[in-house]
C-alpha atoms as a PDB file:
ATOM      1  CA  MET A   1      66.690  31.817  78.413  1.00  0.00           C
ATOM      2  CA  ASN A   2      65.416  30.846  74.967  1.00  0.00           C
ATOM      3  CA  ARG A   3      67.382  27.600  75.141  1.00  0.00           C
ATOM      4  CA  LEU A   4      65.797  26.617  78.468  1.00  0.00           C
ATOM      5  CA  TYR A   5      62.197  27.640  77.839  1.00  0.00           C
ATOM      6  CA  GLY A   6      61.809  29.143  74.374  1.00  0.00           C
ATOM      7  CA  ARG A   7      60.506  32.550  73.386  1.00  0.00           C
ATOM      8  CA  LEU A   8      57.725  33.885  75.599  1.00  0.00           C
ATOM      9  CA  GLY A   9      56.716  36.652  73.229  1.00  0.00           C
ATOM     10  CA  PHE A  10      54.489  38.694  75.571  1.00  0.00           C
ATOM     11  CA  ALA A  11      52.440  41.571  74.209  1.00  0.00           C
ATOM     12  CA  ASP A  12      53.218  45.128  75.347  1.00  0.00           C
ATOM     13  CA  ARG A  13      50.180  44.962  77.653  1.00  0.00           C
ATOM     14  CA  VAL A  14      49.295  41.590  79.171  1.00  0.00           C
ATOM     15  CA  VAL A  15      48.026  39.965  82.376  1.00  0.00           C
ATOM     16  CA  TYR A  16      49.207  36.394  82.977  1.00  0.00           C
ATOM     17  CA  SER A  17      49.014  33.889  85.828  1.00  0.00           C
ATOM     18  CA  ASN A  18      51.242  31.109  87.120  1.00  0.00           C
ATOM     19  CA  PHE A  19      50.150  28.056  89.121  1.00  0.00           C
ATOM     20  CA  VAL A  20      51.454  24.633  90.020  1.00  0.00           C
ATOM     21  CA  SER A  21      48.815  21.936  90.446  1.00  0.00           C
ATOM     22  CA  SER A  22      48.783  18.327  91.544  1.00  0.00           C
ATOM     23  CA  VAL A  23      47.530  15.733  89.071  1.00  0.00           C
ATOM     24  CA  ASP A  24      44.170  15.740  90.883  1.00  0.00           C
ATOM     25  CA  GLY A  25      43.756  19.521  90.667  1.00  0.00           C
ATOM     26  CA  VAL A  26      44.857  20.756  94.119  1.00  0.00           C
ATOM     27  CA  VAL A  27      46.712  24.088  94.255  1.00  0.00           C
ATOM     28  CA  THR A  28      46.315  25.097  97.929  1.00  0.00           C
ATOM     29  CA  PHE A  29      46.185  23.549 101.370  1.00  0.00           C
ATOM     30  CA  GLY A  30      43.848  24.793 104.075  1.00  0.00           C
ATOM     31  CA  SER A  31      46.387  24.774 106.891  1.00  0.00           C
ATOM     32  CA  GLY A  32      48.265  27.956 105.974  1.00  0.00           C
ATOM     33  CA  VAL A  33      51.138  25.933 104.489  1.00  0.00           C
ATOM     34  CA  SER A  34      52.639  27.356 101.299  1.00  0.00           C
ATOM     35  CA  ALA A  35      51.297  24.741  98.914  1.00  0.00           C
ATOM     36  CA  GLY A  36      53.318  25.694  95.843  1.00  0.00           C
ATOM     37  CA  SER A  37      56.675  24.374  96.990  1.00  0.00           C
ATOM     38  CA  VAL A  38      55.081  21.256  98.496  1.00  0.00           C
ATOM     39  CA  ILE A  39      53.112  20.403  95.341  1.00  0.00           C
ATOM     40  CA  SER A  40      56.018  21.146  93.028  1.00  0.00           C
ATOM     41  CA  GLY A  41      58.565  19.434  95.269  1.00  0.00           C
ATOM     42  CA  LYS A  42      60.716  22.524  94.598  1.00  0.00           C
ATOM     43  CA  ASN A  43      61.316  21.176  91.110  1.00  0.00           C
ATOM     44  CA  PRO A  44      64.203  23.187  89.562  1.00  0.00           C
ATOM     45  CA  ALA A  45      62.438  23.597  86.206  1.00  0.00           C
ATOM     46  CA  ASP A  46      59.301  24.942  87.894  1.00  0.00           C
ATOM     47  CA  ARG A  47      61.319  27.367  89.987  1.00  0.00           C
ATOM     48  CA  PHE A  48      63.173  28.545  86.881  1.00  0.00           C
ATOM     49  CA  LEU A  49      59.850  29.243  85.168  1.00  0.00           C
ATOM     50  CA  MET A  50      58.597  31.150  88.246  1.00  0.00           C
ATOM     51  CA  GLY A  51      61.722  33.295  88.146  1.00  0.00           C
ATOM     52  CA  LEU A  52      61.467  33.835  84.396  1.00  0.00           C
ATOM     53  CA  LEU A  53      57.825  34.929  84.555  1.00  0.00           C
ATOM     54  CA  ARG A  54      58.622  37.340  87.381  1.00  0.00           C
ATOM     55  CA  ALA A  55      61.615  38.663  85.447  1.00  0.00           C
ATOM     56  CA  CYS A  56      59.340  39.631  82.539  1.00  0.00           C
ATOM     57  CA  ALA A  57      56.788  41.490  84.678  1.00  0.00           C
ATOM     58  CA  ASP A  58      56.394  45.123  85.649  1.00  0.00           C
ATOM     59  CA  ALA A  59      54.435  43.981  88.707  1.00  0.00           C
ATOM     60  CA  VAL A  60      53.526  40.784  90.557  1.00  0.00           C
ATOM     61  CA  VAL A  61      50.027  40.736  92.060  1.00  0.00           C
ATOM     62  CA  ILE A  62      49.048  38.621  95.072  1.00  0.00           C
ATOM     63  CA  GLY A  63      46.153  38.462  97.487  1.00  0.00           C
ATOM     64  CA  VAL A  64      46.592  39.001 101.194  1.00  0.00           C
ATOM     65  CA  GLY A  65      46.042  35.282 101.842  1.00  0.00           C
ATOM     66  CA  THR A  66      49.085  34.445  99.724  1.00  0.00           C
ATOM     67  CA  LEU A  67      51.128  36.968 101.718  1.00  0.00           C
ATOM     68  CA  ARG A  68      50.131  35.356 105.012  1.00  0.00           C
ATOM     69  CA  ALA A  69      50.747  31.806 103.751  1.00  0.00           C
ATOM     70  CA  THR A  70      54.344  32.555 102.711  1.00  0.00           C
ATOM     71  CA  PRO A  71      56.180  34.360 105.536  1.00  0.00           C
ATOM     72  CA  GLY A  72      59.642  35.456 104.498  1.00  0.00           C
ATOM     73  CA  HIS A  73      58.996  35.075 100.780  1.00  0.00           C
ATOM     74  CA  LEU A  74      60.051  37.761  98.315  1.00  0.00           C
ATOM     75  CA  TRP A  75      58.274  37.965  94.952  1.00  0.00           C
ATOM     76  CA  THR A  76      61.457  38.490  92.960  1.00  0.00           C
ATOM     77  CA  PRO A  77      63.030  36.337  90.248  1.00  0.00           C
ATOM     78  CA  ALA A  78      66.208  35.613  92.201  1.00  0.00           C
ATOM     79  CA  HIS A  79      64.363  34.562  95.359  1.00  0.00           C
ATOM     80  CA  VAL A  80      62.945  31.427  93.723  1.00  0.00           C
ATOM     81  CA  CYS A  81      65.842  30.739  91.359  1.00  0.00           C
ATOM     82  CA  PRO A  82      69.083  32.305  92.644  1.00  0.00           C
ATOM     83  CA  ASP A  83      71.264  30.355  90.197  1.00  0.00           C
ATOM     84  CA  PHE A  84      69.920  32.525  87.362  1.00  0.00           C
ATOM     85  CA  ALA A  85      69.905  35.850  89.209  1.00  0.00           C
ATOM     86  CA  THR A  86      72.405  37.418  86.811  1.00  0.00           C
ATOM     87  CA  GLU A  87      70.494  36.249  83.736  1.00  0.00           C
ATOM     88  CA  PHE A  88      67.195  37.506  85.145  1.00  0.00           C
ATOM     89  CA  ALA A  89      68.746  40.910  85.864  1.00  0.00           C
ATOM     90  CA  THR A  90      70.111  41.077  82.324  1.00  0.00           C
ATOM     91  CA  LEU A  91      66.693  40.184  80.922  1.00  0.00           C
ATOM     92  CA  ARG A  92      64.993  42.929  82.945  1.00  0.00           C
ATOM     93  CA  ASN A  93      67.557  45.435  81.740  1.00  0.00           C
ATOM     94  CA  THR A  94      67.006  44.342  78.125  1.00  0.00           C
ATOM     95  CA  LEU A  95      63.233  44.724  78.587  1.00  0.00           C
ATOM     96  CA  ARG A  96      63.803  48.154  80.205  1.00  0.00           C
ATOM     97  CA  ARG A  97      62.178  47.038  83.423  1.00  0.00           C
ATOM     98  CA  SER A  98      63.024  48.288  86.912  1.00  0.00           C
ATOM     99  CA  PRO A  99      65.587  46.184  88.825  1.00  0.00           C
ATOM    100  CA  GLU A 100      62.758  44.216  90.511  1.00  0.00           C
ATOM    101  CA  PRO A 101      59.049  43.803  89.731  1.00  0.00           C
ATOM    102  CA  ARG A 102      56.736  45.809  92.020  1.00  0.00           C
ATOM    103  CA  LEU A 103      54.780  43.659  94.443  1.00  0.00           C
ATOM    104  CA  VAL A 104      51.075  44.599  94.469  1.00  0.00           C
ATOM    105  CA  ILE A 105      48.941  43.248  97.320  1.00  0.00           C
ATOM    106  CA  LEU A 106      45.154  43.170  97.080  1.00  0.00           C
ATOM    107  CA  SER A 107      43.470  43.374 100.486  1.00  0.00           C
ATOM    108  CA  ASN A 108      39.803  44.013 101.232  1.00  0.00           C
ATOM    109  CA  ARG A 109      40.231  44.749 104.936  1.00  0.00           C
ATOM    110  CA  GLY A 110      43.864  45.813 105.255  1.00  0.00           C
ATOM    111  CA  GLN A 111      44.687  42.903 107.546  1.00  0.00           C
ATOM    112  CA  LEU A 112      48.296  42.384 106.521  1.00  0.00           C
ATOM    113  CA  ASP A 113      51.257  40.626 108.069  1.00  0.00           C
ATOM    114  CA  PHE A 114      53.022  43.870 108.966  1.00  0.00           C
ATOM    115  CA  ASP A 115      56.307  42.099 109.748  1.00  0.00           C
ATOM    116  CA  HIS A 116      56.508  40.495 106.312  1.00  0.00           C
ATOM    117  CA  PRO A 117      59.717  41.617 104.537  1.00  0.00           C
ATOM    118  CA  ALA A 118      57.927  41.785 101.162  1.00  0.00           C
ATOM    119  CA  LEU A 119      55.921  44.818 102.364  1.00  0.00           C
ATOM    120  CA  LYS A 120      58.984  47.012 101.924  1.00  0.00           C
ATOM    121  CA  GLY A 121      58.432  48.839  98.670  1.00  0.00           C
ATOM    122  CA  ALA A 122      55.123  47.092  97.976  1.00  0.00           C
ATOM    123  CA  LEU A 123      51.916  48.668  96.698  1.00  0.00           C
ATOM    124  CA  VAL A 124      48.785  47.804  98.708  1.00  0.00           C
ATOM    125  CA  ILE A 125      45.418  48.285  97.012  1.00  0.00           C
ATOM    126  CA  THR A 126      42.566  48.207  99.478  1.00  0.00           C
ATOM    127  CA  THR A 127      39.198  49.690 100.432  1.00  0.00           C
ATOM    128  CA  LYS A 128      38.610  52.818 102.490  1.00  0.00           C
ATOM    129  CA  ASP A 129      38.165  50.771 105.686  1.00  0.00           C
ATOM    130  CA  GLY A 130      41.218  48.675 104.812  1.00  0.00           C
ATOM    131  CA  ALA A 131      43.341  51.778 104.369  1.00  0.00           C
ATOM    132  CA  LYS A 132      42.327  52.993 107.837  1.00  0.00           C
ATOM    133  CA  ARG A 133      43.548  49.731 109.346  1.00  0.00           C
ATOM    134  CA  CYS A 134      46.870  49.457 107.578  1.00  0.00           C
ATOM    135  CA  SER A 135      48.146  52.872 106.420  1.00  0.00           C
ATOM    136  CA  SER A 136      49.798  53.783 109.733  1.00  0.00           C
ATOM    137  CA  ARG A 137      51.357  50.327 110.216  1.00  0.00           C
ATOM    138  CA  VAL A 138      52.987  49.548 106.874  1.00  0.00           C
ATOM    139  CA  PRO A 139      56.654  50.500 106.253  1.00  0.00           C
ATOM    140  CA  SER A 140      57.261  54.029 105.003  1.00  0.00           C
ATOM    141  CA  SER A 141      58.412  52.595 101.657  1.00  0.00           C
ATOM    142  CA  CYS A 142      55.041  50.866 101.175  1.00  0.00           C
ATOM    143  CA  GLU A 143      52.375  52.733  99.212  1.00  0.00           C
ATOM    144  CA  VAL A 144      48.658  52.326  99.987  1.00  0.00           C
ATOM    145  CA  ILE A 145      46.016  53.112  97.360  1.00  0.00           C
ATOM    146  CA  THR A 146      42.350  53.323  98.336  1.00  0.00           C
ATOM    147  CA  LEU A 147      39.769  52.165  95.810  1.00  0.00           C
ATOM    148  CA  GLY A 148      36.149  52.524  96.805  1.00  0.00           C
ATOM    149  CA  THR A 149      34.147  52.418 100.016  1.00  0.00           C
ATOM    150  CA  GLY A 150      32.721  48.905  99.587  1.00  0.00           C
ATOM    151  CA  LYS A 151      33.658  45.705 101.367  1.00  0.00           C
ATOM    152  CA  ALA A 152      35.837  44.350  98.554  1.00  0.00           C
ATOM    153  CA  VAL A 153      38.394  45.732  96.124  1.00  0.00           C
ATOM    154  CA  ASP A 154      36.972  46.075  92.626  1.00  0.00           C
ATOM    155  CA  ILE A 155      39.347  43.956  90.531  1.00  0.00           C
ATOM    156  CA  LYS A 156      38.702  45.968  87.356  1.00  0.00           C
ATOM    157  CA  ARG A 157      39.497  49.256  89.085  1.00  0.00           C
ATOM    158  CA  ALA A 158      42.588  47.726  90.704  1.00  0.00           C
ATOM    159  CA  PHE A 159      44.053  46.588  87.389  1.00  0.00           C
ATOM    160  CA  ALA A 160      43.086  49.859  85.711  1.00  0.00           C
ATOM    161  CA  GLU A 161      45.013  51.659  88.451  1.00  0.00           C
ATOM    162  CA  MET A 162      48.062  49.478  87.791  1.00  0.00           C
ATOM    163  CA  THR A 163      47.917  50.405  84.115  1.00  0.00           C
ATOM    164  CA  ARG A 164      47.586  54.079  85.060  1.00  0.00           C
ATOM    165  CA  VAL A 165      50.808  54.004  87.078  1.00  0.00           C
ATOM    166  CA  GLY A 166      52.672  52.223  84.285  1.00  0.00           C
ATOM    167  CA  TYR A 167      52.414  48.507  85.089  1.00  0.00           C
ATOM    168  CA  GLU A 168      51.396  47.033  81.750  1.00  0.00           C
ATOM    169  CA  VAL A 169      52.977  43.562  81.937  1.00  0.00           C
ATOM    170  CA  VAL A 170      51.449  42.022  85.056  1.00  0.00           C
ATOM    171  CA  LEU A 171      51.928  38.571  86.576  1.00  0.00           C
ATOM    172  CA  THR A 172      49.386  37.323  89.085  1.00  0.00           C
ATOM    173  CA  GLU A 173      50.342  34.773  91.727  1.00  0.00           C
ATOM    174  CA  GLY A 174      47.286  35.838  93.657  1.00  0.00           C
ATOM    175  CA  GLY A 175      45.557  32.563  94.439  1.00  0.00           C
ATOM    176  CA  PRO A 176      42.371  30.884  93.211  1.00  0.00           C
ATOM    177  CA  HIS A 177      39.923  33.625  94.273  1.00  0.00           C
ATOM    178  CA  VAL A 178      41.915  36.368  92.549  1.00  0.00           C
ATOM    179  CA  MET A 179      42.107  34.047  89.546  1.00  0.00           C
ATOM    180  CA  GLY A 180      38.327  33.642  89.568  1.00  0.00           C
ATOM    181  CA  GLU A 181      37.771  37.401  89.672  1.00  0.00           C
ATOM    182  CA  LEU A 182      40.211  37.970  86.820  1.00  0.00           C
ATOM    183  CA  ILE A 183      38.572  35.386  84.572  1.00  0.00           C
ATOM    184  CA  LYS A 184      35.068  36.564  85.460  1.00  0.00           C
ATOM    185  CA  SER A 185      36.072  40.135  84.598  1.00  0.00           C
ATOM    186  CA  ARG A 186      37.807  39.054  81.365  1.00  0.00           C
ATOM    187  CA  LEU A 187      41.096  40.576  82.506  1.00  0.00           C
ATOM    188  CA  LEU A 188      43.342  37.515  82.205  1.00  0.00           C
ATOM    189  CA  ASP A 189      45.168  37.006  78.903  1.00  0.00           C
ATOM    190  CA  GLU A 190      47.344  33.963  79.580  1.00  0.00           C
ATOM    191  CA  MET A 191      47.736  31.123  82.086  1.00  0.00           C
ATOM    192  CA  PHE A 192      50.903  29.180  82.882  1.00  0.00           C
ATOM    193  CA  LEU A 193      50.193  25.879  84.613  1.00  0.00           C
ATOM    194  CA  THR A 194      52.780  23.432  85.895  1.00  0.00           C
ATOM    195  CA  LEU A 195      51.283  19.969  86.298  1.00  0.00           C
ATOM    196  CA  SER A 196      53.178  18.133  89.030  1.00  0.00           C
ATOM    197  CA  PRO A 197      53.108  14.302  89.074  1.00  0.00           C
ATOM    198  CA  VAL A 198      52.094  14.258  92.754  1.00  0.00           C
ATOM    199  CA  ILE A 199      48.604  13.267  93.976  1.00  0.00           C
ATOM    200  CA  ALA A 200      47.343  15.507  96.806  1.00  0.00           C
ATOM    201  CA  GLY A 201      43.891  14.128  97.686  1.00  0.00           C
ATOM    202  CA  ARG A 202      40.994  15.799  99.487  1.00  0.00           C
ATOM    203  CA  ASP A 203      39.192  14.940 102.735  1.00  0.00           C
ATOM    204  CA  LYS A 204      38.612  17.167 105.790  1.00  0.00           C
ATOM    205  CA  GLU A 205      40.997  19.968 104.878  1.00  0.00           C
ATOM    206  CA  HIS A 206      39.658  22.662 102.532  1.00  0.00           C
ATOM    207  CA  ARG A 207      41.788  22.388  99.395  1.00  0.00           C
ATOM    208  CA  LEU A 208      41.160  24.619  96.407  1.00  0.00           C
ATOM    209  CA  GLY A 209      41.516  24.236  92.671  1.00  0.00           C
ATOM    210  CA  MET A 210      43.021  26.863  90.379  1.00  0.00           C
ATOM    211  CA  VAL A 211      39.778  28.891  90.036  1.00  0.00           C
ATOM    212  CA  GLU A 212      37.474  29.575  93.005  1.00  0.00           C
ATOM    213  CA  GLY A 213      34.614  31.931  93.816  1.00  0.00           C
ATOM    214  CA  VAL A 214      33.031  31.904  90.370  1.00  0.00           C
ATOM    215  CA  GLU A 215      31.001  29.283  88.500  1.00  0.00           C
ATOM    216  CA  LEU A 216      31.468  29.279  84.741  1.00  0.00           C
ATOM    217  CA  LEU A 217      30.234  26.009  83.240  1.00  0.00           C
ATOM    218  CA  PRO A 218      27.669  25.247  82.002  1.00  0.00           C
ATOM    219  CA  ARG A 219      26.279  28.773  81.677  1.00  0.00           C
ATOM    220  CA  ILE A 220      29.482  30.717  80.940  1.00  0.00           C
ATOM    221  CA  PRO A 221      32.020  28.470  79.218  1.00  0.00           C
ATOM    222  CA  VAL A 222      35.483  29.999  78.964  1.00  0.00           C
ATOM    223  CA  TRP A 223      37.460  28.062  76.379  1.00  0.00           C
ATOM    224  CA  SER A 224      41.216  28.557  76.508  1.00  0.00           C
ATOM    225  CA  ARG A 225      43.678  27.854  73.707  1.00  0.00           C
ATOM    226  CA  LEU A 226      46.802  25.764  74.327  1.00  0.00           C
ATOM    227  CA  ARG A 227      49.778  27.843  73.194  1.00  0.00           C
ATOM    228  CA  SER A 228      52.542  25.475  74.232  1.00  0.00           C
ATOM    229  CA  ALA A 229      53.236  22.274  76.160  1.00  0.00           C
ATOM    230  CA  ARG A 230      56.662  21.389  77.478  1.00  0.00           C
ATOM    231  CA  ARG A 231      57.868  18.397  79.444  1.00  0.00           C
ATOM    232  CA  HIS A 232      60.709  18.184  81.946  1.00  0.00           C
ATOM    233  CA  GLY A 233      60.948  14.707  83.412  1.00  0.00           C
ATOM    234  CA  ASP A 234      57.532  13.867  84.867  1.00  0.00           C
ATOM    235  CA  TYR A 235      56.379  17.508  84.941  1.00  0.00           C
ATOM    236  CA  LEU A 236      54.284  19.239  82.294  1.00  0.00           C
ATOM    237  CA  PHE A 237      54.518  22.979  81.655  1.00  0.00           C
ATOM    238  CA  LEU A 238      51.393  24.276  79.929  1.00  0.00           C
ATOM    239  CA  ARG A 239      50.635  27.711  78.533  1.00  0.00           C
ATOM    240  CA  TYR A 240      47.106  28.797  77.611  1.00  0.00           C
ATOM    241  CA  ALA A 241      45.637  31.918  76.019  1.00  0.00           C
ATOM    242  CA  LEU A 242      42.215  33.174  77.117  1.00  0.00           C
ATOM    243  CA  PRO A 243      39.625  35.221  75.224  1.00  0.00           C
ATOM    244  CA  ARG A 244      39.214  38.817  76.387  1.00  0.00           C
END
């Protein structure tokens, strides 16, 4: 692992994100297509990094939109990089992690894809109304936690709950709006960004950048610090630290 990527060196408690972006800053498509694999071109180095970051985590957090956009996907290390399944399992054992990271789904209204295989064993964090909609329809192995009676899940309370149940090393693959909430709430410690050499473009389709739903500049500048930059062919793999 160190030979392929180097030492990650995560703290005992950390929240980190992972995105792949086109050169012109597109990370999602508006048509429900899973943009990550299209933008990355399923680059082997990017998929290895996805698997490695999942292998380090106690839990992987996504939003319900990400769940819907990727039917059949499993948020496990081996799913995205099966060639290193044995090495990922060894790493998790060395780190004293469970065999697989726990999938945590954030949903305001409980409108899930109930046939999605990733729901088995997942943790759903939702509102009181969301819990009413989904609790009786999720698999018996899926746990539902209710946080608040409002229209939206409070991101600070959600991550505090994850810490309470023992998830201290948390990876978010939760999409641009979850990313915006995390940065706004000063919960995100590190960002991993793969810069793909592809140009996506924008026109009629609603395509998002890495952070949505919150405006920072010019009033609230959030300056990140570049921790490392790696190159594999025409791809750049960037790692940033953020201020708490």
